[in-house]
Amino acid sequence: MGKFIYEGVLKVDFDDRSLAHLQLVIGTKLSRGESFHFTWKDDPSIGNGRTSVWLHPRCTLVFKFYRGDRPKLNRAWVEALSSAANSPAGLVLVPEPTEASDSIAETI
């Protein structure tokens, strides 16, 4: 399990594969100067609710991966996450598409 750390205070666990896809989508939007919400479902151990943070180009983010290898990225999943991030509701971690799709080279 990797960690997404927001502003040095909020720490959330995501599996490394999901975290790599999130890092690409979030990094792309922030590098363009775009701000947006990122919302996820909380673990049942902390109430089974949801958390939403406002991501902006000046926020401090850390993507801490448990493993050292870089997963191949699923182009369809990146596109689905990007589409969500560009919506009025903001980025949510949508499930990875199950159909076979092209992978993209890891640039992270």
N, C-alpha and C. Protein backbone atom coordinates (compact mmCIF):
# COMPACT_ATOMS: atom_id res chain seq x y z
N MET A 1 0.83 -1.19 0.00
CA MET A 1 0.00 0.00 0.00
C MET A 1 0.87 1.25 0.00
N GLY A 2 0.60 2.12 -0.94
CA GLY A 2 1.28 3.40 -0.98
C GLY A 2 0.47 4.44 -0.22
N LYS A 3 1.03 5.60 -0.09
CA LYS A 3 0.36 6.68 0.63
C LYS A 3 0.28 7.93 -0.23
N PHE A 4 -0.87 8.59 -0.16
CA PHE A 4 -1.08 9.90 -0.72
C PHE A 4 -1.09 10.84 0.47
N ILE A 5 -0.19 11.81 0.47
CA ILE A 5 -0.08 12.72 1.61
C ILE A 5 -0.37 14.13 1.11
N TYR A 6 -1.37 14.76 1.72
CA TYR A 6 -1.83 16.08 1.32
C TYR A 6 -1.44 17.09 2.39
N GLU A 7 -0.68 18.10 2.00
CA GLU A 7 -0.27 19.20 2.88
C GLU A 7 0.44 18.70 4.14
N GLY A 8 1.06 17.53 4.08
CA GLY A 8 1.82 16.99 5.21
C GLY A 8 0.97 16.53 6.37
N VAL A 9 -0.33 16.63 6.26
CA VAL A 9 -1.21 16.31 7.38
C VAL A 9 -2.09 15.10 7.10
N LEU A 10 -2.78 15.13 5.98
CA LEU A 10 -3.72 14.07 5.64
C LEU A 10 -2.98 12.96 4.90
N LYS A 11 -3.02 11.74 5.43
CA LYS A 11 -2.34 10.60 4.83
C LYS A 11 -3.36 9.51 4.54
N VAL A 12 -3.40 9.07 3.28
CA VAL A 12 -4.39 8.09 2.85
C VAL A 12 -3.69 6.95 2.12
N ASP A 13 -4.11 5.73 2.39
CA ASP A 13 -3.54 4.55 1.73
C ASP A 13 -4.27 4.26 0.42
N PHE A 14 -3.48 4.02 -0.63
CA PHE A 14 -3.96 3.53 -1.92
C PHE A 14 -2.98 2.46 -2.36
N ASP A 15 -3.48 1.46 -3.09
CA ASP A 15 -2.53 0.47 -3.60
C ASP A 15 -1.62 1.17 -4.61
N ASP A 16 -0.41 0.66 -4.75
CA ASP A 16 0.60 1.30 -5.61
C ASP A 16 0.12 1.50 -7.04
N ARG A 17 -0.62 0.54 -7.57
CA ARG A 17 -1.09 0.65 -8.96
C ARG A 17 -2.04 1.84 -9.11
N SER A 18 -3.00 1.95 -8.20
CA SER A 18 -3.92 3.09 -8.23
C SER A 18 -3.18 4.39 -8.03
N LEU A 19 -2.25 4.40 -7.09
CA LEU A 19 -1.50 5.61 -6.78
C LEU A 19 -0.69 6.11 -7.98
N ALA A 20 -0.12 5.19 -8.75
CA ALA A 20 0.64 5.57 -9.94
C ALA A 20 -0.26 6.25 -10.97
N HIS A 21 -1.46 5.73 -11.15
CA HIS A 21 -2.40 6.33 -12.08
C HIS A 21 -2.87 7.70 -11.58
N LEU A 22 -3.15 7.79 -10.29
CA LEU A 22 -3.54 9.07 -9.70
C LEU A 22 -2.43 10.10 -9.84
N GLN A 23 -1.20 9.69 -9.61
CA GLN A 23 -0.07 10.62 -9.70
C GLN A 23 0.02 11.21 -11.11
N LEU A 24 -0.14 10.40 -12.12
CA LEU A 24 -0.07 10.90 -13.49
C LEU A 24 -1.18 11.91 -13.77
N VAL A 25 -2.40 11.56 -13.41
CA VAL A 25 -3.55 12.44 -13.69
C VAL A 25 -3.45 13.73 -12.88
N ILE A 26 -3.15 13.62 -11.59
CA ILE A 26 -3.04 14.81 -10.73
C ILE A 26 -1.88 15.69 -11.19
N GLY A 27 -0.74 15.07 -11.45
CA GLY A 27 0.43 15.83 -11.89
C GLY A 27 0.19 16.56 -13.19
N THR A 28 -0.51 15.93 -14.11
CA THR A 28 -0.81 16.57 -15.40
C THR A 28 -1.68 17.80 -15.21
N LYS A 29 -2.74 17.65 -14.40
CA LYS A 29 -3.63 18.80 -14.19
C LYS A 29 -2.92 19.93 -13.45
N LEU A 30 -2.15 19.60 -12.43
CA LEU A 30 -1.48 20.65 -11.66
C LEU A 30 -0.40 21.34 -12.48
N SER A 31 0.27 20.59 -13.35
CA SER A 31 1.31 21.22 -14.18
C SER A 31 0.70 22.20 -15.18
N ARG A 32 -0.57 22.05 -15.47
CA ARG A 32 -1.29 22.98 -16.36
C ARG A 32 -1.87 24.16 -15.57
N GLY A 33 -1.66 24.17 -14.26
CA GLY A 33 -2.18 25.25 -13.43
C GLY A 33 -3.64 25.09 -13.07
N GLU A 34 -4.19 23.88 -13.22
CA GLU A 34 -5.61 23.63 -12.96
C GLU A 34 -5.82 23.18 -11.52
N SER A 35 -6.88 23.69 -10.91
CA SER A 35 -7.28 23.28 -9.56
C SER A 35 -8.55 22.44 -9.66
N PHE A 36 -8.74 21.52 -8.71
CA PHE A 36 -9.89 20.61 -8.77
C PHE A 36 -10.03 19.88 -7.44
N HIS A 37 -11.20 19.29 -7.23
CA HIS A 37 -11.43 18.45 -6.06
C HIS A 37 -10.96 17.02 -6.35
N PHE A 38 -10.47 16.36 -5.31
CA PHE A 38 -10.15 14.93 -5.35
C PHE A 38 -10.89 14.31 -4.18
N THR A 39 -11.78 13.37 -4.48
CA THR A 39 -12.64 12.76 -3.47
C THR A 39 -12.46 11.25 -3.50
N TRP A 40 -12.43 10.64 -2.32
CA TRP A 40 -12.34 9.19 -2.22
C TRP A 40 -13.19 8.70 -1.07
N LYS A 41 -13.51 7.42 -1.12
CA LYS A 41 -14.28 6.76 -0.05
C LYS A 41 -13.31 6.39 1.06
N ASP A 42 -13.67 6.73 2.28
CA ASP A 42 -12.83 6.41 3.43
C ASP A 42 -12.90 4.93 3.79
N ASP A 43 -11.86 4.46 4.43
CA ASP A 43 -11.82 3.10 4.94
C ASP A 43 -12.87 2.95 6.04
N PRO A 44 -13.55 1.81 6.09
CA PRO A 44 -14.56 1.60 7.14
C PRO A 44 -14.01 1.79 8.56
N SER A 45 -12.71 1.59 8.74
CA SER A 45 -12.14 1.73 10.08
C SER A 45 -12.19 3.17 10.59
N ILE A 46 -12.40 4.14 9.68
CA ILE A 46 -12.49 5.54 10.13
C ILE A 46 -13.86 6.14 9.85
N GLY A 47 -14.86 5.29 9.67
CA GLY A 47 -16.22 5.78 9.57
C GLY A 47 -16.96 5.51 8.28
N ASN A 48 -16.28 4.99 7.26
CA ASN A 48 -16.93 4.61 6.01
C ASN A 48 -17.56 5.78 5.27
N GLY A 49 -17.06 6.99 5.51
CA GLY A 49 -17.56 8.18 4.81
C GLY A 49 -16.75 8.44 3.57
N ARG A 50 -16.57 9.73 3.28
CA ARG A 50 -15.73 10.11 2.15
C ARG A 50 -14.98 11.38 2.52
N THR A 51 -13.86 11.58 1.84
CA THR A 51 -13.03 12.76 2.06
C THR A 51 -12.82 13.44 0.72
N SER A 52 -12.81 14.76 0.73
CA SER A 52 -12.55 15.54 -0.47
C SER A 52 -11.55 16.62 -0.14
N VAL A 53 -10.53 16.77 -0.99
CA VAL A 53 -9.54 17.83 -0.82
C VAL A 53 -9.51 18.67 -2.08
N TRP A 54 -9.12 19.94 -1.92
CA TRP A 54 -8.98 20.86 -3.03
C TRP A 54 -7.52 20.85 -3.46
N LEU A 55 -7.26 20.37 -4.64
CA LEU A 55 -5.89 20.33 -5.16
C LEU A 55 -5.66 21.55 -6.03
N HIS A 56 -4.53 22.19 -5.82
CA HIS A 56 -4.17 23.39 -6.57
C HIS A 56 -2.67 23.38 -6.78
N PRO A 57 -2.17 24.14 -7.74
CA PRO A 57 -0.76 24.07 -8.09
C PRO A 57 0.22 24.36 -6.94
N ARG A 58 -0.21 25.04 -5.90
CA ARG A 58 0.69 25.36 -4.80
C ARG A 58 0.55 24.43 -3.60
N CYS A 59 -0.32 23.42 -3.69
CA CYS A 59 -0.47 22.51 -2.55
C CYS A 59 0.72 21.54 -2.50
N THR A 60 0.96 21.03 -1.31
CA THR A 60 2.06 20.10 -1.11
C THR A 60 1.50 18.68 -1.15
N LEU A 61 2.00 17.88 -2.08
CA LEU A 61 1.57 16.49 -2.23
C LEU A 61 2.78 15.57 -2.20
N VAL A 62 2.57 14.40 -1.60
CA VAL A 62 3.59 13.35 -1.62
C VAL A 62 2.90 12.07 -2.07
N PHE A 63 3.51 11.37 -3.00
CA PHE A 63 3.05 10.06 -3.43
C PHE A 63 4.11 9.08 -2.96
N LYS A 64 3.84 8.34 -1.92
CA LYS A 64 4.81 7.41 -1.32
C LYS A 64 4.43 5.99 -1.71
N PHE A 65 5.28 5.36 -2.51
CA PHE A 65 5.00 4.01 -2.99
C PHE A 65 5.67 2.97 -2.10
N TYR A 66 4.95 1.88 -1.87
CA TYR A 66 5.48 0.80 -1.05
C TYR A 66 6.56 0.03 -1.81
N ARG A 67 6.31 -0.23 -3.07
CA ARG A 67 7.24 -1.02 -3.89
C ARG A 67 8.09 -0.11 -4.75
N GLY A 68 9.26 -0.60 -5.13
CA GLY A 68 10.17 0.18 -5.95
C GLY A 68 9.91 0.09 -7.44
N ASP A 69 9.19 -0.95 -7.88
CA ASP A 69 8.95 -1.10 -9.32
C ASP A 69 7.83 -0.17 -9.77
N ARG A 70 7.83 0.14 -11.04
CA ARG A 70 6.81 1.03 -11.60
C ARG A 70 5.81 0.20 -12.40
N PRO A 71 4.54 0.27 -12.03
CA PRO A 71 3.55 -0.51 -12.78
C PRO A 71 3.31 0.07 -14.17
N LYS A 72 2.94 -0.79 -15.10
CA LYS A 72 2.53 -0.31 -16.42
C LYS A 72 1.19 0.39 -16.25
N LEU A 73 1.08 1.52 -16.90
CA LEU A 73 -0.15 2.28 -16.77
C LEU A 73 -1.16 1.87 -17.84
N ASN A 74 -2.40 1.82 -17.45
CA ASN A 74 -3.51 1.45 -18.32
C ASN A 74 -4.07 2.74 -18.94
N ARG A 75 -3.91 2.89 -20.24
CA ARG A 75 -4.34 4.10 -20.94
C ARG A 75 -5.83 4.38 -20.71
N ALA A 76 -6.66 3.35 -20.76
CA ALA A 76 -8.10 3.53 -20.58
C ALA A 76 -8.40 4.05 -19.17
N TRP A 77 -7.67 3.57 -18.18
CA TRP A 77 -7.89 4.02 -16.80
C TRP A 77 -7.44 5.48 -16.64
N VAL A 78 -6.31 5.82 -17.24
CA VAL A 78 -5.83 7.21 -17.19
C VAL A 78 -6.87 8.12 -17.82
N GLU A 79 -7.43 7.71 -18.95
CA GLU A 79 -8.44 8.52 -19.62
C GLU A 79 -9.71 8.64 -18.77
N ALA A 80 -10.13 7.57 -18.12
CA ALA A 80 -11.32 7.61 -17.27
C ALA A 80 -11.09 8.52 -16.06
N LEU A 81 -9.91 8.42 -15.45
CA LEU A 81 -9.59 9.28 -14.31
C LEU A 81 -9.49 10.74 -14.75
N SER A 82 -8.88 10.98 -15.90
CA SER A 82 -8.77 12.35 -16.42
C SER A 82 -10.13 12.94 -16.71
N SER A 83 -11.01 12.14 -17.27
CA SER A 83 -12.37 12.60 -17.55
C SER A 83 -13.07 12.98 -16.25
N ALA A 84 -12.92 12.17 -15.23
CA ALA A 84 -13.52 12.48 -13.93
C ALA A 84 -12.93 13.76 -13.37
N ALA A 85 -11.61 13.90 -13.45
CA ALA A 85 -10.94 15.09 -12.92
C ALA A 85 -11.39 16.36 -13.63
N ASN A 86 -11.77 16.25 -14.88
CA ASN A 86 -12.21 17.41 -15.66
C ASN A 86 -13.69 17.71 -15.50
N SER A 87 -14.40 16.88 -14.75
CA SER A 87 -15.83 17.09 -14.54
C SER A 87 -16.06 18.06 -13.38
N PRO A 88 -17.25 18.63 -13.27
CA PRO A 88 -17.55 19.53 -12.16
C PRO A 88 -17.38 18.87 -10.78
N ALA A 89 -17.60 17.56 -10.69
CA ALA A 89 -17.47 16.85 -9.41
C ALA A 89 -16.01 16.63 -9.03
N GLY A 90 -15.11 16.66 -9.99
CA GLY A 90 -13.70 16.46 -9.71
C GLY A 90 -13.28 15.00 -9.78
N LEU A 91 -12.02 14.77 -9.44
CA LEU A 91 -11.41 13.45 -9.53
C LEU A 91 -11.94 12.50 -8.46
N VAL A 92 -12.36 11.34 -8.90
CA VAL A 92 -12.70 10.24 -8.01
C VAL A 92 -11.99 9.00 -8.56
N LEU A 93 -11.64 8.09 -7.69
CA LEU A 93 -10.94 6.87 -8.11
C LEU A 93 -11.96 5.90 -8.68
N VAL A 94 -12.12 5.95 -10.01
CA VAL A 94 -13.03 5.04 -10.68
C VAL A 94 -12.34 3.69 -10.84
N PRO A 95 -13.11 2.60 -10.93
CA PRO A 95 -12.49 1.28 -11.09
C PRO A 95 -11.70 1.18 -12.39
N GLU A 96 -10.66 0.38 -12.36
CA GLU A 96 -9.86 0.15 -13.57
C GLU A 96 -10.70 -0.62 -14.57
N PRO A 97 -10.73 -0.16 -15.83
CA PRO A 97 -11.46 -0.89 -16.86
C PRO A 97 -10.93 -2.31 -16.98
N THR A 98 -11.83 -3.27 -17.13
CA THR A 98 -11.43 -4.68 -17.18
C THR A 98 -11.03 -5.13 -18.57
N GLU A 99 -11.54 -4.47 -19.61
CA GLU A 99 -11.20 -4.88 -20.97
C GLU A 99 -9.73 -4.57 -21.25
N ALA A 100 -9.17 -5.35 -22.13
CA ALA A 100 -7.77 -5.15 -22.49
C ALA A 100 -7.61 -3.79 -23.15
N SER A 101 -6.57 -3.09 -22.77
CA SER A 101 -6.30 -1.80 -23.39
C SER A 101 -4.80 -1.62 -23.49
N ASP A 102 -4.42 -0.64 -24.25
CA ASP A 102 -3.01 -0.36 -24.41
C ASP A 102 -2.42 0.15 -23.10
N SER A 103 -1.21 -0.27 -22.82
CA SER A 103 -0.53 0.32 -21.67
C SER A 103 0.33 1.45 -22.21
N ILE A 104 0.64 2.37 -21.32
CA ILE A 104 1.48 3.49 -21.73
C ILE A 104 2.77 3.45 -20.95
N ALA A 105 3.79 3.98 -21.54
CA ALA A 105 5.10 3.96 -20.89
C ALA A 105 5.05 4.74 -19.59
N GLU A 106 5.67 4.21 -18.60
CA GLU A 106 5.77 4.85 -17.30
C GLU A 106 6.74 6.02 -17.38
N THR A 107 6.26 7.20 -17.02
CA THR A 107 7.11 8.39 -17.07
C THR A 107 7.30 8.98 -15.69
N ILE A 108 6.83 8.31 -14.70
CA ILE A 108 6.90 8.83 -13.33
C ILE A 108 8.21 8.39 -12.70
